[in-house]
Protein backbone atom coordinates (compact mmCIF):
# COMPACT_ATOMS: atom_id res chain seq x y z
CA UNK A 1 -8.26 -4.32 10.42
CA UNK A 2 -8.04 -1.26 8.15
CA UNK A 3 -4.75 -2.48 6.65
CA UNK A 4 -5.13 -6.12 5.53
CA UNK A 5 -2.03 -8.24 5.05
CA UNK A 6 -2.09 -7.76 1.29
CA UNK A 7 -1.87 -3.99 1.78
CA UNK A 8 0.92 -4.34 4.33
CA UNK A 9 2.91 -6.44 1.87
CA UNK A 10 2.36 -3.84 -0.86
CA UNK A 11 3.46 -1.00 1.43
CA UNK A 12 6.62 -2.89 2.34
CA UNK A 13 7.37 -3.75 -1.29
CA UNK A 14 7.17 -0.09 -2.28
CA UNK A 15 9.75 0.81 0.36
CA UNK A 16 11.97 -2.09 -0.70
CA UNK A 17 11.84 -0.87 -4.30
CA UNK A 18 13.32 2.43 -3.11
CA UNK A 19 16.27 1.07 -1.11
CA UNK A 20 18.02 -2.10 0.03
CA UNK A 21 19.11 -0.53 3.33
CA UNK A 22 18.63 -3.47 5.71
CA UNK A 23 18.18 -1.52 8.95
CA UNK A 24 15.73 0.90 7.37
CA UNK A 25 13.66 -1.93 5.91
CA UNK A 26 13.71 -3.76 9.24
CA UNK A 27 12.16 -0.73 10.93
CA UNK A 28 9.54 -0.46 8.18
CA UNK A 29 8.67 -4.12 8.63
CA UNK A 30 8.41 -3.67 12.39
CA UNK A 31 6.01 -0.76 11.97
CA UNK A 32 3.82 -2.86 9.70
CA UNK A 33 3.98 -5.95 11.88
CA UNK A 34 2.93 -3.91 14.92
CA UNK A 35 0.21 -1.83 13.25
CA UNK A 36 -2.99 -1.38 15.21
CA UNK A 37 -6.53 -2.19 14.16
CA UNK A 38 -7.24 1.47 13.42
CA UNK A 39 -4.05 2.38 11.56
CA UNK A 40 -4.48 3.33 7.90
CA UNK A 41 -2.14 3.31 4.91
CA UNK A 42 -1.75 7.13 4.95
CA UNK A 43 -0.72 6.98 8.60
CA UNK A 44 1.80 4.21 7.91
CA UNK A 45 3.34 6.23 5.06
CA UNK A 46 3.59 9.16 7.48
CA UNK A 47 5.53 6.94 9.89
CA UNK A 48 7.70 5.60 7.06
CA UNK A 49 8.66 9.16 6.13
CA UNK A 50 9.76 9.86 9.70
CA UNK A 51 12.05 6.83 9.55
CA UNK A 52 13.25 7.79 6.07
CA UNK A 53 14.28 11.24 7.29
CA UNK A 54 16.15 9.74 10.21
CA UNK A 55 18.17 7.42 7.97
CA UNK A 56 18.56 9.49 4.81
CA UNK A 57 18.21 13.08 5.99
CA UNK A 58 15.13 14.03 4.01
CA UNK A 59 11.94 12.66 2.55
CA UNK A 60 11.74 11.79 -1.13
CA UNK A 61 11.51 14.97 -3.22
CA UNK A 62 8.46 15.06 -5.50
CA UNK A 63 8.65 18.79 -6.27
CA UNK A 64 9.64 18.34 -9.93
CA UNK A 65 6.94 15.71 -10.44
CA UNK A 66 4.32 17.93 -8.81
CA UNK A 67 5.21 20.87 -11.06
CA UNK A 68 5.28 18.64 -14.14
CA UNK A 69 1.72 17.44 -13.63
CA UNK A 70 0.37 20.77 -12.45
CA UNK A 71 1.78 22.31 -15.63
CA UNK A 72 0.42 19.50 -17.79
CA UNK A 73 -3.14 19.95 -16.56
CA UNK A 74 -2.83 23.75 -16.55
CA UNK A 75 -1.99 23.49 -20.27
CA UNK A 76 -5.33 21.69 -20.74
CA UNK A 77 -7.33 24.06 -18.55
CA UNK A 78 -8.85 26.34 -21.19
CA UNK A 79 -9.98 23.54 -23.50
CA UNK A 80 -11.43 21.53 -20.62
CA UNK A 81 -13.25 24.59 -19.28
CA UNK A 82 -14.80 25.13 -22.72
CA UNK A 83 -15.93 21.50 -22.80
CA UNK A 84 -17.42 21.84 -19.32
CA UNK A 85 -19.22 25.09 -20.16
CA UNK A 86 -20.81 23.54 -23.25
CA UNK A 87 -22.07 20.44 -21.38
CA UNK A 88 -25.76 19.92 -20.58
CA UNK A 89 -24.78 19.71 -16.89
CA UNK A 90 -21.45 21.54 -16.45
CA UNK A 91 -21.07 20.59 -12.76
CA UNK A 92 -21.55 16.88 -13.48
CA UNK A 93 -19.02 17.07 -16.32
CA UNK A 94 -16.53 18.91 -14.09
CA UNK A 95 -16.91 16.36 -11.28
CA UNK A 96 -16.11 13.49 -13.64
CA UNK A 97 -13.04 15.34 -14.93
CA UNK A 98 -11.95 16.04 -11.36
CA UNK A 99 -12.24 12.33 -10.65
CA UNK A 100 -10.10 11.49 -13.68
CA UNK A 101 -7.45 13.75 -12.13
CA UNK A 102 -7.19 11.29 -9.25
CA UNK A 103 -5.19 9.08 -11.62
CA UNK A 104 -2.10 11.23 -10.92
CA UNK A 105 -1.20 9.39 -7.73
CA UNK A 106 2.40 8.39 -7.07
CA UNK A 107 1.38 6.71 -3.84
CA UNK A 108 -1.14 4.18 -5.19
CA UNK A 109 0.01 3.75 -8.80
CA UNK A 110 3.05 1.70 -9.76
CA UNK A 111 3.61 4.07 -12.67
CA UNK A 112 1.88 7.04 -14.26
CA UNK A 113 1.20 6.77 -17.99
CA UNK A 114 0.63 10.20 -19.53
CA UNK A 115 -1.17 8.76 -22.55
CA UNK A 116 -3.43 6.63 -20.37
CA UNK A 117 -4.31 9.69 -18.29
CA UNK A 118 -5.09 11.83 -21.34
CA UNK A 119 -7.10 9.00 -22.89
CA UNK A 120 -9.45 8.96 -19.93
CA UNK A 121 -10.85 12.33 -21.05
CA UNK A 122 -12.44 10.60 -24.05
CA UNK A 123 -15.30 9.58 -21.76
CA UNK A 124 -16.39 12.24 -19.30
CA UNK A 125 -20.06 11.28 -19.07
CA UNK A 126 -21.50 10.54 -15.65
CA UNK A 127 -22.62 6.92 -15.17
CA UNK A 128 -26.14 6.11 -14.00
CA UNK A 129 -24.91 4.73 -10.67
CA UNK A 130 -23.06 8.02 -10.08
CA UNK A 131 -26.21 10.01 -10.78
CA UNK A 132 -28.06 8.74 -7.71
CA UNK A 133 -25.26 9.98 -5.45
CA UNK A 134 -24.89 13.15 -7.51
CA UNK A 135 -28.59 13.95 -6.97
CA UNK A 136 -28.08 13.66 -3.21
CA UNK A 137 -24.96 15.82 -3.49
CA UNK A 138 -26.97 18.53 -5.24
CA UNK A 139 -29.70 18.44 -2.60
CA UNK A 140 -27.15 18.78 0.18
CA UNK A 141 -25.40 21.69 -1.54
CA UNK A 142 -28.68 23.50 -2.14
CA UNK A 143 -29.33 23.67 1.60
CA UNK A 144 -25.72 24.29 2.67
CA UNK A 145 -23.70 27.35 3.61
CA UNK A 146 -20.19 25.88 4.05
CA UNK A 147 -18.59 23.49 1.56
CA UNK A 148 -15.28 21.70 2.13
CA UNK A 149 -13.21 20.03 -0.56
CA UNK A 150 -10.45 17.80 0.82
CA UNK A 151 -7.82 17.68 -1.91
CA UNK A 152 -5.46 14.93 -2.93
CA UNK A 153 -2.86 15.20 -5.71
CA UNK A 154 -1.08 17.81 -7.78
CA UNK A 155 -2.37 18.00 -11.33
CA UNK A 156 -5.70 16.81 -9.96
CA UNK A 157 -6.13 20.12 -8.15
CA UNK A 158 -6.36 21.98 -11.48
CA UNK A 159 -9.42 19.88 -12.27
CA UNK A 160 -10.72 20.47 -8.75
CA UNK A 161 -10.53 24.19 -9.51
CA UNK A 162 -12.68 23.74 -12.61
CA UNK A 163 -15.17 21.73 -10.56
CA UNK A 164 -15.34 24.39 -7.84
CA UNK A 165 -15.93 27.08 -10.46
CA UNK A 166 -19.06 25.21 -11.54
CA UNK A 167 -20.12 24.48 -7.97
CA UNK A 168 -20.05 28.19 -7.12
CA UNK A 169 -22.00 29.05 -10.25
CA UNK A 170 -24.66 26.48 -9.34
CA UNK A 171 -24.72 27.33 -5.62
CA UNK A 172 -23.53 30.94 -5.19
CA UNK A 173 -24.46 30.94 -1.49
CA UNK A 174 -21.70 28.47 -0.64
CA UNK A 175 -18.59 29.51 1.22
CA UNK A 176 -16.00 27.14 -0.25
CA UNK A 177 -12.82 25.93 1.46
CA UNK A 178 -10.17 23.51 0.21
CA UNK A 179 -8.05 21.49 2.63
CA UNK A 180 -4.56 20.51 1.51
CA UNK A 181 -1.64 18.66 3.09
CA UNK A 182 0.36 20.44 5.76
CA UNK A 183 3.73 19.43 4.30
CA UNK A 184 5.37 17.61 1.43
CA UNK A 185 4.31 13.97 1.11
CA UNK A 186 4.42 12.07 -2.18
CA UNK A 187 2.83 14.21 -4.93
CA UNK A 188 -0.01 15.39 -2.70
CA UNK A 189 -1.02 19.02 -2.90
CA UNK A 190 0.13 21.59 -0.34
CA UNK A 191 -0.92 25.23 0.07
CA UNK A 192 1.91 26.34 -2.23
CA UNK A 193 0.74 23.93 -4.92
CA UNK A 194 -2.85 25.13 -4.54
CA UNK A 195 -1.80 28.73 -5.02
CA UNK A 196 0.41 27.78 -7.98
CA UNK A 197 -2.57 26.43 -9.92
CA UNK A 198 -4.97 29.18 -8.80
CA UNK A 199 -7.14 27.06 -6.55
CA UNK A 200 -7.14 30.00 -4.12
CA UNK A 201 -9.20 31.96 -6.65
CA UNK A 202 -12.22 29.72 -5.96
CA UNK A 203 -11.66 28.53 -2.39
CA UNK A 204 -10.08 29.47 0.91
CA UNK A 205 -7.00 27.24 1.24
CA UNK A 206 -6.53 25.56 4.62
CA UNK A 207 -3.65 23.28 5.64
CA UNK A 208 -4.45 20.07 7.48
CA UNK A 209 -1.41 20.74 9.63
CA UNK A 210 0.63 17.60 8.87
CA UNK A 211 2.60 16.00 6.04
CA UNK A 212 0.23 13.05 5.79
CA UNK A 213 -1.41 11.68 2.65
CA UNK A 214 -4.83 11.43 4.27
CA UNK A 215 -7.10 13.06 6.83
CA UNK A 216 -6.55 11.62 10.30
CA UNK A 217 -8.71 13.70 12.64
CA UNK A 218 -6.43 13.39 15.67
CA UNK A 219 -3.52 14.79 13.64
CA UNK A 220 -5.35 17.79 12.19
CA UNK A 221 -4.58 21.34 13.25
CA UNK A 222 -7.22 23.09 15.35
CA UNK A 223 -8.16 25.17 12.30
CA UNK A 224 -8.60 22.07 10.16
CA UNK A 225 -10.62 20.28 12.86
CA UNK A 226 -12.92 23.27 13.18
CA UNK A 227 -13.39 23.42 9.42
CA UNK A 228 -14.16 19.71 9.18
CA UNK A 229 -16.56 19.82 12.12
CA UNK A 230 -18.50 22.82 10.82
CA UNK A 231 -18.75 22.17 7.09
CA UNK A 232 -22.24 21.37 5.83
CA UNK A 233 -21.04 19.41 2.80
CA UNK A 234 -17.71 17.58 2.55
CA UNK A 235 -16.27 16.15 -0.66
CA UNK A 236 -13.08 14.16 -0.06
CA UNK A 237 -10.92 13.19 -3.03
CA UNK A 238 -8.74 10.09 -3.37
CA UNK A 239 -8.15 6.70 -1.79
CA UNK A 240 -6.04 8.07 1.06
CA UNK A 241 -8.80 10.36 2.28
CA UNK A 242 -11.34 7.55 1.97
CA UNK A 243 -9.11 5.15 3.91
CA UNK A 244 -8.51 7.61 6.72
CA UNK A 245 -12.01 9.15 6.97
CA UNK A 246 -14.52 6.41 6.18
CA UNK A 247 -16.33 4.66 8.99
CA UNK A 248 -15.90 7.63 11.34
CA UNK A 249 -19.57 8.57 11.52
CA UNK A 250 -19.36 11.64 9.30
CA UNK A 251 -21.58 12.52 6.37
CA UNK A 252 -19.02 12.67 3.54
CA UNK A 253 -19.08 12.39 -0.23
CA UNK A 254 -16.02 10.60 -1.64
CA UNK A 255 -14.67 10.69 -5.18
CA UNK A 256 -11.73 8.61 -6.38
CA UNK A 257 -10.43 6.06 -8.87
CA UNK A 258 -9.94 2.48 -7.68
CA UNK A 259 -6.21 2.08 -8.25
CA UNK A 260 -5.21 -0.91 -6.15
CA UNK A 261 -6.43 -4.39 -5.24
CA UNK A 262 -7.89 -3.30 -1.91
CA UNK A 263 -10.29 -0.92 -3.65
CA UNK A 264 -11.12 -3.01 -6.72
CA UNK A 265 -11.95 -5.91 -4.38
CA UNK A 266 -13.89 -3.79 -1.89
CA UNK A 267 -16.11 -2.28 -4.59
CA UNK A 268 -15.99 -5.25 -7.01
CA UNK A 269 -14.95 -3.12 -9.99
CA UNK A 270 -12.13 -3.15 -12.56
CA UNK A 271 -8.98 -1.13 -11.93
CA UNK A 272 -9.32 2.63 -12.55
CA UNK A 273 -13.11 2.59 -12.15
CA UNK A 274 -14.28 5.93 -10.84
CA UNK A 275 -16.37 6.01 -7.68
CA UNK A 276 -18.72 8.63 -6.26
CA UNK A 277 -19.83 7.52 -2.81
CA UNK A 278 -21.96 9.03 -0.07
CA UNK A 279 -21.36 7.86 3.49
CA UNK A 280 -23.72 8.97 6.24
């Protein structure tokens, strides 16, 4: 089962922390109790939001939070770009910074600590275990024509932009696309958010077609399916994309921080450990 009982309990607890509405919570519990073997956490949150809208008229509004963290990282952009440009391997440095950006996740984190986030930039060196996957990533990009970045959170997408700048310098033959969420869900990035931070200056922005915090192939728009099917190299950011895409038989590189028990247990690492994974 892709959602173990511990995850189901966590998902329910997060909804209970938002409201004590008995009927609403009963429906949430029923959805979790009747989940299928192939359901993922992003899909369950998508269903929760449908129920939330029915009871409360609208989904939770994260627009102020999204702007706050986009603006925070935009204020750091010039200094981080200078640090990247002066690195021995600018692309490697930019990829580690982009992974740090995955911290800004209001779906997986109980709380976001600004100081903790900023402190993570004190160590932006790539670990040795990352370097083996990174070497494969470079080989794949060298032979590729179409590159797809599947984005995750606001704030994080500013760092994704810096990473894509370096990717295009290293591999100028690449046609780069960035897939974002098709509607507002948590603090995940949409096309409007991508344009706000200037991600459209380094990539063609494509909506996945749904307000879902993951990439569920059956729910993608035809345009997004075509892009996913025809990209030579795919880099998917965040736990939600990993949960919804892994084990599907695709060759995908994943980059994320392990922010919850499911991931720290699965990879046997401490909380907030960064992962760079290749799945073939």
